[in-house]
Protein backbone atom coordinates (compact mmCIF):
# COMPACT_ATOMS: atom_id res chain seq x y z
CA MET A 1 66.13 -8.56 6.69
CA VAL A 2 62.29 -8.72 7.49
CA ARG A 3 61.20 -5.36 8.56
CA PRO A 4 59.36 -5.66 12.00
CA ARG A 5 55.64 -4.97 12.12
CA GLU A 6 54.84 -1.31 12.35
CA PHE A 7 51.37 -2.18 14.04
CA ASP A 8 49.91 -4.42 16.96
CA GLU A 9 48.55 -7.41 15.10
CA GLU A 10 46.41 -8.38 17.59
CA LYS A 11 44.87 -4.81 17.78
CA ALA A 12 44.38 -4.94 14.07
CA LEU A 13 42.81 -8.19 14.36
CA ASP A 14 40.54 -7.37 16.94
CA ALA A 15 39.46 -4.26 14.76
CA ALA A 16 38.86 -6.28 12.02
CA MET A 17 36.87 -8.85 13.88
CA GLN A 18 34.61 -6.20 15.37
CA LEU A 19 34.00 -4.75 11.96
CA PHE A 20 33.14 -8.14 10.40
CA TRP A 21 30.79 -8.78 13.27
CA GLU A 22 29.21 -5.48 12.52
CA LYS A 23 28.89 -5.57 9.02
CA GLY A 24 29.41 -9.26 7.69
CA TYR A 25 31.62 -10.64 5.48
CA GLU A 26 29.93 -9.32 2.21
CA ALA A 27 29.36 -5.87 3.20
CA THR A 28 32.60 -5.32 4.65
CA SER A 29 35.06 -3.76 2.15
CA LEU A 30 38.88 -3.65 2.03
CA SER A 31 38.72 0.16 2.41
CA ASP A 32 36.47 -0.23 5.61
CA LEU A 33 38.98 -2.74 6.99
CA THR A 34 42.07 -0.87 6.62
CA SER A 35 40.46 2.26 7.72
CA ARG A 36 39.38 0.33 10.99
CA MET A 37 42.62 -1.43 11.58
CA GLY A 38 44.70 1.60 10.99
CA ILE A 39 46.86 -0.13 8.29
CA GLN A 40 47.69 0.06 4.69
CA ARG A 41 46.63 -2.59 2.34
CA PRO A 42 50.01 -4.18 1.66
CA SER A 43 50.30 -4.45 5.48
CA LEU A 44 47.05 -6.13 5.63
CA TYR A 45 48.00 -8.52 2.84
CA SER A 46 51.35 -9.13 4.41
CA ALA A 47 50.07 -9.93 8.04
CA PHE A 48 46.70 -11.51 7.27
CA GLY A 49 46.74 -12.58 3.54
CA ASP A 50 43.41 -11.87 1.50
CA LYS A 51 40.12 -10.63 3.06
CA LYS A 52 38.73 -14.40 3.41
CA GLN A 53 41.78 -15.29 5.39
CA LEU A 54 41.33 -12.23 7.60
CA PHE A 55 37.88 -13.13 8.00
CA GLU A 56 38.88 -16.79 9.13
CA ALA A 57 41.42 -15.41 11.55
CA ALA A 58 38.84 -12.80 13.10
CA LEU A 59 36.41 -15.81 13.46
CA ARG A 60 38.78 -17.94 14.88
CA LYS A 61 39.98 -15.38 17.46
CA TYR A 62 35.89 -14.89 18.22
CA THR A 63 35.40 -18.65 18.76
CA LYS A 64 38.31 -19.03 21.07
CA ASP A 65 37.78 -16.11 23.06
CA HIS A 66 33.96 -16.56 23.33
CA ALA A 67 34.62 -20.35 24.30
CA SER A 68 36.90 -19.23 26.83
CA ARG A 69 34.31 -16.81 28.62
CA VAL A 70 31.55 -19.36 28.28
CA ARG A 71 33.99 -22.00 30.04
CA ALA A 72 34.66 -19.62 32.67
CA LYS A 73 31.24 -18.41 33.40
CA PHE A 74 29.78 -22.08 33.55
CA GLN A 75 32.89 -23.12 35.92
CA SER A 76 32.17 -19.99 38.12
CA HIS A 77 28.76 -21.01 39.13
CA PRO A 78 28.44 -23.99 41.69
CA SER A 79 24.87 -24.43 40.61
CA VAL A 80 24.58 -25.92 37.09
CA LYS A 81 20.85 -24.51 36.72
CA GLU A 82 22.07 -20.85 38.02
CA ALA A 83 25.00 -21.06 35.49
CA PHE A 84 22.35 -21.63 32.60
CA ARG A 85 19.93 -18.95 33.95
CA ALA A 86 22.76 -16.60 34.42
CA PHE A 87 24.13 -17.39 30.88
CA PHE A 88 20.89 -16.86 29.10
CA ALA A 89 19.90 -13.90 31.16
CA GLU A 90 22.82 -12.20 30.35
CA LEU A 91 22.82 -13.16 26.38
CA VAL A 92 19.28 -11.46 26.44
CA GLU A 93 20.28 -8.32 28.34
CA GLU A 94 23.45 -7.96 26.30
CA GLU A 95 21.44 -8.18 23.06
CA TYR A 96 18.72 -5.72 24.07
CA GLY A 97 21.53 -3.02 25.45
CA ALA A 98 23.61 -3.39 22.09
CA SER A 99 22.85 -1.01 19.49
CA PRO A 100 22.69 -1.96 16.71
CA CYS A 101 22.24 -5.60 17.71
CA ARG A 102 24.94 -7.51 16.36
CA GLY A 103 24.08 -11.14 17.67
CA CYS A 104 26.98 -13.86 17.65
CA PHE A 105 29.70 -13.41 15.30
CA CYS A 106 29.67 -17.35 14.89
CA VAL A 107 25.83 -17.64 14.10
CA ASN A 108 26.15 -14.67 11.89
CA THR A 109 29.00 -16.46 9.95
CA MET A 110 26.70 -19.76 9.94
CA ALA A 111 24.06 -17.95 8.44
CA GLU A 112 25.87 -15.70 5.69
CA LEU A 113 28.69 -18.30 4.59
CA ALA A 114 28.26 -21.61 6.02
CA PRO A 115 25.49 -22.63 3.53
CA HIS A 116 27.85 -22.17 0.64
CA ASP A 117 31.38 -22.32 1.88
CA GLU A 118 32.80 -25.60 3.72
CA LYS A 119 35.44 -23.92 5.43
CA PHE A 120 33.10 -21.92 7.43
CA GLU A 121 30.66 -24.59 7.58
CA ILE A 122 33.14 -26.59 9.25
CA LEU A 123 34.54 -23.84 11.55
CA THR A 124 31.22 -22.72 12.73
CA ARG A 125 30.07 -26.53 13.27
CA GLU A 126 33.27 -27.11 15.48
CA HIS A 127 32.33 -24.23 17.74
CA GLN A 128 28.52 -25.59 18.05
CA MET A 129 30.30 -28.97 19.18
CA TYR A 130 32.57 -27.32 21.52
CA LEU A 131 29.81 -25.55 23.34
CA SER A 132 27.69 -28.81 23.25
CA VAL A 133 30.78 -30.52 25.16
CA LEU A 134 30.85 -27.63 27.36
CA PHE A 135 27.24 -27.77 28.28
CA GLN A 136 27.29 -31.74 28.59
CA GLU A 137 30.20 -31.45 30.92
CA SER A 138 28.13 -28.96 33.21
CA ILE A 139 25.05 -30.99 32.86
CA GLU A 140 26.88 -34.21 33.99
CA ARG A 141 28.22 -32.26 36.75
CA GLY A 142 24.67 -31.35 38.01
CA ILE A 143 23.53 -34.91 37.42
CA ARG A 144 26.66 -36.19 39.76
CA ALA A 145 25.67 -33.51 42.40
CA GLY A 146 22.15 -34.46 42.57
CA GLU A 147 20.97 -31.18 41.45
CA LEU A 148 19.63 -32.68 37.94
CA ALA A 149 17.77 -35.87 37.75
CA PRO A 150 19.97 -39.08 36.87
CA ASP A 151 17.85 -40.29 34.17
CA LYS A 152 18.63 -36.84 32.09
CA ASN A 153 20.47 -37.47 28.82
CA ALA A 154 23.09 -35.05 29.06
CA LYS A 155 24.38 -35.07 25.39
CA ALA A 156 20.92 -34.64 24.15
CA LEU A 157 20.11 -32.12 26.31
CA ALA A 158 23.25 -30.12 25.97
CA GLN A 159 22.67 -30.21 21.75
CA THR A 160 19.15 -28.81 22.57
CA MET A 161 20.61 -26.04 24.61
CA VAL A 162 23.12 -25.39 21.89
CA VAL A 163 20.09 -25.38 19.35
CA SER A 164 17.99 -22.90 21.95
CA LEU A 165 20.83 -20.71 22.19
CA ILE A 166 21.36 -20.45 18.38
CA GLY A 167 17.81 -19.92 17.84
CA LEU A 168 17.63 -17.35 20.52
CA THR A 169 20.73 -15.59 19.18
CA VAL A 170 18.86 -15.12 15.76
CA LEU A 171 15.50 -14.39 17.16
CA LEU A 172 16.90 -11.49 19.17
CA LYS A 173 18.25 -9.58 16.12
CA SER A 174 14.55 -8.52 15.41
CA ARG A 175 14.28 -7.30 18.84
CA PRO A 176 10.70 -9.20 19.74
CA GLU A 177 9.07 -8.38 22.80
CA ARG A 178 10.79 -9.01 26.01
CA SER A 179 7.91 -11.37 27.34
CA PHE A 180 8.06 -13.45 24.02
CA VAL A 181 12.03 -13.88 24.80
CA HIS A 182 11.37 -14.45 28.62
CA ASN A 183 8.59 -16.87 27.93
CA SER A 184 10.83 -18.76 25.69
CA VAL A 185 14.09 -18.75 28.13
CA SER A 186 11.86 -19.87 30.92
CA GLN A 187 10.78 -23.14 28.84
CA ILE A 188 14.45 -23.66 27.76
CA LEU A 189 15.43 -23.85 31.30
CA ALA A 190 12.58 -25.92 32.41
CA LEU A 191 14.48 -28.74 30.42
CA LEU A 192 16.97 -28.67 33.26
CA GLN A 193 14.09 -29.57 35.59
C-alpha cells in the first residue's frame, strides 16, 4: 500500500522554484532544497526525482504560470499599444523594486543551462515561441482594430518584442540607470507606431 504524501507537493515545488530562481541550478544544493521545501531527501527523490528533474518541474511550472499571467495582462487591455506599454513598465518596476534582482527564471535558465543542455534549450525556446505567438495575436488584433498600421509584419514585430524583452530582462539584472532603460523601452514601444 502506497503511503500518502505528508507534504503539499505544489507548495514544495513552488518553494524549489523560488530557490532555483534566486540562486540558479548550479548554486542550489540538495540541502538548500530540502531546507526550503521543508522535506527530507527521500521525499524529494520520491516526489520529484533528482535535482535536475526537480529543476525541470520548477521551470515548467514557472513558464506555465508566466505565460498565463502574460496572456491575461494582454487580454485585459483593449488597446494593444497600452498592453505593451503596461507590460514593459511593470517589468521595469518589478526589477527595480526586487532585491536582489532575480530577472526571469526562464531567461536565467536560457543563460545558465540552455547552451550545454538540449532539454533546457528546447524548454526555454518553447517559452520564447509561446510569447511570440501571444504577442503576434495581440499585434494582429491591433491591426484588425485599426490601432496599428495594416502594413505591420505581425510575426516579425512579435519576435522583435520577444528579443527586446529577453535583452531587457538580462540588462535589468545589472541595475542600469533608469533613464537608459526608459529610453530603450520608449524605442522598443515606438516599433508599434
